[in-house]
PDB file of N, CA and C in Angstrom:
ATOM      1  N   MET A   1     159.066 102.971-125.230  1.00  0.00           N
ATOM      2  CA  MET A   1     160.048 101.897-125.397  1.00  0.00           C
ATOM      3  C   MET A   1     160.752 102.078-126.735  1.00  0.00           C
ATOM      4  N   THR A   2     162.075 102.018-126.703  1.00  0.00           N
ATOM      5  CA  THR A   2     162.860 102.142-127.918  1.00  0.00           C
ATOM      6  C   THR A   2     163.060 100.754-128.521  1.00  0.00           C
ATOM      7  N   LEU A   3     162.725 100.614-129.778  1.00  0.00           N
ATOM      8  CA  LEU A   3     162.868  99.329-130.457  1.00  0.00           C
ATOM      9  C   LEU A   3     164.288  99.172-130.990  1.00  0.00           C
ATOM     10  N   PRO A   4     164.773  97.923-131.126  1.00  0.00           N
ATOM     11  CA  PRO A   4     166.124  97.700-131.637  1.00  0.00           C
ATOM     12  C   PRO A   4     166.391  98.394-132.973  1.00  0.00           C
ATOM     13  N   ILE A   5     165.411  98.425-133.886  1.00  0.00           N
ATOM     14  CA  ILE A   5     165.651  99.076-135.172  1.00  0.00           C
ATOM     15  C   ILE A   5     165.882 100.572-134.977  1.00  0.00           C
ATOM     16  N   ASP A   6     165.183 101.178-134.002  1.00  0.00           N
ATOM     17  CA  ASP A   6     165.409 102.590-133.688  1.00  0.00           C
ATOM     18  C   ASP A   6     166.819 102.801-133.154  1.00  0.00           C
ATOM     19  N   MET A   7     167.265 101.884-132.313  1.00  0.00           N
ATOM     20  CA  MET A   7     168.617 101.982-131.752  1.00  0.00           C
ATOM     21  C   MET A   7     169.657 101.867-132.866  1.00  0.00           C
ATOM     22  N   LEU A   8     169.443 100.926-133.778  1.00  0.00           N
ATOM     23  CA  LEU A   8     170.376 100.782-134.895  1.00  0.00           C
ATOM     24  C   LEU A   8     170.406 102.042-135.751  1.00  0.00           C
ATOM     25  N   ASN A   9     169.253 102.627-135.990  1.00  0.00           N
ATOM     26  CA  ASN A   9     169.203 103.866-136.770  1.00  0.00           C
ATOM     27  C   ASN A   9     169.921 104.997-136.054  1.00  0.00           C
ATOM     28  N   GLN A  10     169.821 105.046-134.739  1.00  0.00           N
ATOM     29  CA  GLN A  10     170.540 106.063-133.971  1.00  0.00           C
ATOM     30  C   GLN A  10     172.044 105.846-134.077  1.00  0.00           C
ATOM     31  N   LEU A  11     172.477 104.594-134.026  1.00  0.00           N
ATOM     32  CA  LEU A  11     173.900 104.293-134.163  1.00  0.00           C
ATOM     33  C   LEU A  11     174.410 104.689-135.548  1.00  0.00           C
ATOM     34  N   LYS A  12     173.623 104.400-136.571  1.00  0.00           N
ATOM     35  CA  LYS A  12     174.008 104.789-137.929  1.00  0.00           C
ATOM     36  C   LYS A  12     174.111 106.300-138.047  1.00  0.00           C
ATOM     37  N   ALA A  13     173.173 107.016-137.440  1.00  0.00           N
ATOM     38  CA  ALA A  13     173.124 108.475-137.549  1.00  0.00           C
ATOM     39  C   ALA A  13     174.366 109.146-136.963  1.00  0.00           C
ATOM     40  N   VAL A  14     174.979 108.526-135.975  1.00  0.00           N
ATOM     41  CA  VAL A  14     176.167 109.120-135.358  1.00  0.00           C
ATOM     42  C   VAL A  14     177.461 108.429-135.807  1.00  0.00           C
ATOM     43  N   ASN A  15     177.358 107.642-136.892  1.00  0.00           N
ATOM     44  CA  ASN A  15     178.534 106.972-137.458  1.00  0.00           C
ATOM     45  C   ASN A  15     179.249 106.093-136.421  1.00  0.00           C
ATOM     46  N   ALA A  16     178.468 105.333-135.666  1.00  0.00           N
ATOM     47  CA  ALA A  16     179.038 104.510-134.601  1.00  0.00           C
ATOM     48  C   ALA A  16     180.073 103.519-135.113  1.00  0.00           C
ATOM     49  N   TRP A  17     179.836 102.933-136.280  1.00  0.00           N
ATOM     50  CA  TRP A  17     180.777 101.944-136.802  1.00  0.00           C
ATOM     51  C   TRP A  17     182.089 102.602-137.217  1.00  0.00           C
ATOM     52  N   GLY A  18     182.007 103.760-137.830  1.00  0.00           N
ATOM     53  CA  GLY A  18     183.217 104.499-138.201  1.00  0.00           C
ATOM     54  C   GLY A  18     183.994 104.941-136.973  1.00  0.00           C
ATOM     55  N   GLU A  19     183.268 105.401-135.962  1.00  0.00           N
ATOM     56  CA  GLU A  19     183.916 105.816-134.715  1.00  0.00           C
ATOM     57  C   GLU A  19     184.581 104.622-134.036  1.00  0.00           C
ATOM     58  N   ALA A  20     183.915 103.480-134.043  1.00  0.00           N
ATOM     59  CA  ALA A  20     184.492 102.268-133.437  1.00  0.00           C
ATOM     60  C   ALA A  20     185.747 101.845-134.191  1.00  0.00           C
ATOM     61  N   ARG A  21     185.697 101.891-135.520  1.00  0.00           N
ATOM     62  CA  ARG A  21     186.870 101.530-136.325  1.00  0.00           C
ATOM     63  C   ARG A  21     188.047 102.442-135.986  1.00  0.00           C
ATOM     64  N   GLN A  22     187.789 103.745-135.889  1.00  0.00           N
ATOM     65  CA  GLN A  22     188.855 104.697-135.579  1.00  0.00           C
ATOM     66  C   GLN A  22     189.425 104.451-134.186  1.00  0.00           C
ATOM     67  N   ALA A  23     188.556 104.141-133.232  1.00  0.00           N
ATOM     68  CA  ALA A  23     189.014 103.863-131.869  1.00  0.00           C
ATOM     69  C   ALA A  23     189.907 102.617-131.838  1.00  0.00           C
ATOM     70  N   ILE A  24     189.527 101.597-132.585  1.00  0.00           N
ATOM     71  CA  ILE A  24     190.334 100.369-132.637  1.00  0.00           C
ATOM     72  C   ILE A  24     191.674 100.650-133.306  1.00  0.00           C
ATOM     73  N   GLU A  25     191.659 101.396-134.398  1.00  0.00           N
ATOM     74  CA  GLU A  25     192.915 101.734-135.085  1.00  0.00           C
ATOM     75  C   GLU A  25     193.834 102.530-134.162  1.00  0.00           C
ATOM     76  N   ASN A  26     193.268 103.469-133.413  1.00  0.00           N
ATOM     77  CA  ASN A  26     194.079 104.241-132.463  1.00  0.00           C
ATOM     78  C   ASN A  26     194.665 103.335-131.392  1.00  0.00           C
ATOM     79  N   ALA A  27     193.848 102.421-130.871  1.00  0.00           N
ATOM     80  CA  ALA A  27     194.325 101.495-129.844  1.00  0.00           C
ATOM     81  C   ALA A  27     195.453 100.621-130.376  1.00  0.00           C
ATOM     82  N   VAL A  28     195.290 100.112-131.583  1.00  0.00           N
ATOM     83  CA  VAL A  28     196.332  99.263-132.184  1.00  0.00           C
ATOM     84  C   VAL A  28     197.625 100.050-132.330  1.00  0.00           C
ATOM     85  N   ASN A  29     197.542 101.286-132.806  1.00  0.00           N
ATOM     86  CA  ASN A  29     198.744 102.117-132.969  1.00  0.00           C
ATOM     87  C   ASN A  29     199.443 102.336-131.634  1.00  0.00           C
ATOM     88  N   HIS A  30     198.675 102.634-130.587  1.00  0.00           N
ATOM     89  CA  HIS A  30     199.269 102.856-129.267  1.00  0.00           C
ATOM     90  C   HIS A  30     199.889 101.581-128.720  1.00  0.00           C
ATOM     91  N   LEU A  31     199.211 100.449-128.895  1.00  0.00           N
ATOM     92  CA  LEU A  31     199.755  99.181-128.409  1.00  0.00           C
ATOM     93  C   LEU A  31     201.027  98.810-129.157  1.00  0.00           C
ATOM     94  N   GLN A  32     201.042  99.030-130.469  1.00  0.00           N
ATOM     95  CA  GLN A  32     202.234  98.716-131.258  1.00  0.00           C
ATOM     96  C   GLN A  32     203.419  99.575-130.821  1.00  0.00           C
ATOM     97  N   LYS A  33     203.162 100.835-130.500  1.00  0.00           N
ATOM     98  CA  LYS A  33     204.238 101.705-130.006  1.00  0.00           C
ATOM     99  C   LYS A  33     204.811 101.174-128.702  1.00  0.00           C
ATOM    100  N   GLY A  34     203.997 100.475-127.931  1.00  0.00           N
ATOM    101  CA  GLY A  34     204.438  99.879-126.675  1.00  0.00           C
ATOM    102  C   GLY A  34     204.974  98.468-126.847  1.00  0.00           C
ATOM    103  N   GLY A  35     205.071  98.006-128.086  1.00  0.00           N
ATOM    104  CA  GLY A  35     205.611  96.680-128.356  1.00  0.00           C
ATOM    105  C   GLY A  35     204.603  95.553-128.158  1.00  0.00           C
ATOM    106  N   ILE A  36     203.332  95.887-128.097  1.00  0.00           N
ATOM    107  CA  ILE A  36     202.287  94.878-127.907  1.00  0.00           C
ATOM    108  C   ILE A  36     201.604  94.633-129.244  1.00  0.00           C
ATOM    109  N   LYS A  37     201.579  93.384-129.676  1.00  0.00           N
ATOM    110  CA  LYS A  37     200.968  93.047-130.963  1.00  0.00           C
ATOM    111  C   LYS A  37     199.511  92.644-130.778  1.00  0.00           C
ATOM    112  N   MET A  38     198.699  93.037-131.723  1.00  0.00           N
ATOM    113  CA  MET A  38     197.287  92.657-131.735  1.00  0.00           C
ATOM    114  C   MET A  38     197.106  91.483-132.686  1.00  0.00           C
ATOM    115  N   PRO A  39     196.125  90.619-132.420  1.00  0.00           N
ATOM    116  CA  PRO A  39     195.845  89.547-133.374  1.00  0.00           C
ATOM    117  C   PRO A  39     195.306  90.125-134.679  1.00  0.00           C
ATOM    118  N   LYS A  40     195.414  89.357-135.751  1.00  0.00           N
ATOM    119  CA  LYS A  40     194.921  89.818-137.055  1.00  0.00           C
ATOM    120  C   LYS A  40     193.412  90.009-137.054  1.00  0.00           C
ATOM    121  N   LYS A  41     192.699  89.173-136.303  1.00  0.00           N
ATOM    122  CA  LYS A  41     191.237  89.257-136.251  1.00  0.00           C
ATOM    123  C   LYS A  41     190.786  89.416-134.809  1.00  0.00           C
ATOM    124  N   ILE A  42     189.810  90.282-134.612  1.00  0.00           N
ATOM    125  CA  ILE A  42     189.166  90.399-133.311  1.00  0.00           C
ATOM    126  C   ILE A  42     187.654  90.466-133.544  1.00  0.00           C
ATOM    127  N   THR A  43     186.905  90.073-132.549  1.00  0.00           N
ATOM    128  CA  THR A  43     185.448  90.119-132.635  1.00  0.00           C
ATOM    129  C   THR A  43     184.933  91.057-131.556  1.00  0.00           C
ATOM    130  N   LEU A  44     184.091  91.981-131.972  1.00  0.00           N
ATOM    131  CA  LEU A  44     183.488  92.935-131.043  1.00  0.00           C
ATOM    132  C   LEU A  44     181.985  92.836-131.146  1.00  0.00           C
ATOM    133  N   GLY A  45     181.315  93.314-130.140  1.00  0.00           N
ATOM    134  CA  GLY A  45     179.862  93.312-130.173  1.00  0.00           C
ATOM    135  C   GLY A  45     179.303  94.627-129.683  1.00  0.00           C
ATOM    136  N   ILE A  46     178.147  94.954-130.175  1.00  0.00           N
ATOM    137  CA  ILE A  46     177.403  96.107-129.697  1.00  0.00           C
ATOM    138  C   ILE A  46     176.143  95.555-129.049  1.00  0.00           C
ATOM    139  N   PHE A  47     175.955  95.882-127.785  1.00  0.00           N
ATOM    140  CA  PHE A  47     174.800  95.404-127.052  1.00  0.00           C
ATOM    141  C   PHE A  47     173.748  96.496-127.025  1.00  0.00           C
ATOM    142  N   LEU A  48     172.606  96.210-127.612  1.00  0.00           N
ATOM    143  CA  LEU A  48     171.516  97.170-127.628  1.00  0.00           C
ATOM    144  C   LEU A  48     170.650  96.963-126.403  1.00  0.00           C
ATOM    145  N   GLY A  49     170.441  98.004-125.660  1.00  0.00           N
ATOM    146  CA  GLY A  49     169.591  97.892-124.482  1.00  0.00           C
ATOM    147  C   GLY A  49     169.825  99.040-123.527  1.00  0.00           C
ATOM    148  N   ASP A  50     169.159  98.965-122.428  1.00  0.00           N
ATOM    149  CA  ASP A  50     169.252  99.973-121.392  1.00  0.00           C
ATOM    150  C   ASP A  50     170.596  99.819-120.668  1.00  0.00           C
ATOM    151  N   PRO A  51     171.471 100.831-120.720  1.00  0.00           N
ATOM    152  CA  PRO A  51     172.794 100.704-120.095  1.00  0.00           C
ATOM    153  C   PRO A  51     172.725 100.382-118.594  1.00  0.00           C
ATOM    154  N   GLN A  52     171.745 100.934-117.897  1.00  0.00           N
ATOM    155  CA  GLN A  52     171.628 100.651-116.470  1.00  0.00           C
ATOM    156  C   GLN A  52     171.293  99.190-116.216  1.00  0.00           C
ATOM    157  N   LYS A  53     170.421  98.630-117.021  1.00  0.00           N
ATOM    158  CA  LYS A  53     170.071  97.213-116.866  1.00  0.00           C
ATOM    159  C   LYS A  53     171.248  96.318-117.250  1.00  0.00           C
ATOM    160  N   LEU A  54     172.003  96.729-118.282  1.00  0.00           N
ATOM    161  CA  LEU A  54     173.166  95.952-118.675  1.00  0.00           C
ATOM    162  C   LEU A  54     174.216  95.942-117.551  1.00  0.00           C
ATOM    163  N   LEU A  55     174.386  97.069-116.861  1.00  0.00           N
ATOM    164  CA  LEU A  55     175.315  97.132-115.743  1.00  0.00           C
ATOM    165  C   LEU A  55     174.897  96.184-114.619  1.00  0.00           C
ATOM    166  N   GLN A  56     173.613  96.077-114.387  1.00  0.00           N
ATOM    167  CA  GLN A  56     173.103  95.232-113.310  1.00  0.00           C
ATOM    168  C   GLN A  56     173.197  93.750-113.649  1.00  0.00           C
ATOM    169  N   SER A  57     173.322  93.406-114.944  1.00  0.00           N
ATOM    170  CA  SER A  57     173.328  91.996-115.350  1.00  0.00           C
ATOM    171  C   SER A  57     174.676  91.327-115.141  1.00  0.00           C
ATOM    172  N   GLY A  58     175.731  92.113-114.884  1.00  0.00           N
ATOM    173  CA  GLY A  58     177.070  91.580-114.762  1.00  0.00           C
ATOM    174  C   GLY A  58     177.330  91.002-113.444  1.00  0.00           C
TER     175      GLY A  58
END
């Protein structure tokens, strides 16, 4: 069983927050080119858990 702290350490090891920031910046740039404005603040979440179980919960 993988513990949440292990999952967080894995995310840190692959620079997940930096990658997420870059993905959001890219999305904002593409949306702005299409004339779509983004709000100044957005809230995102990272769900730690088994992806298959998360898919089944929806």
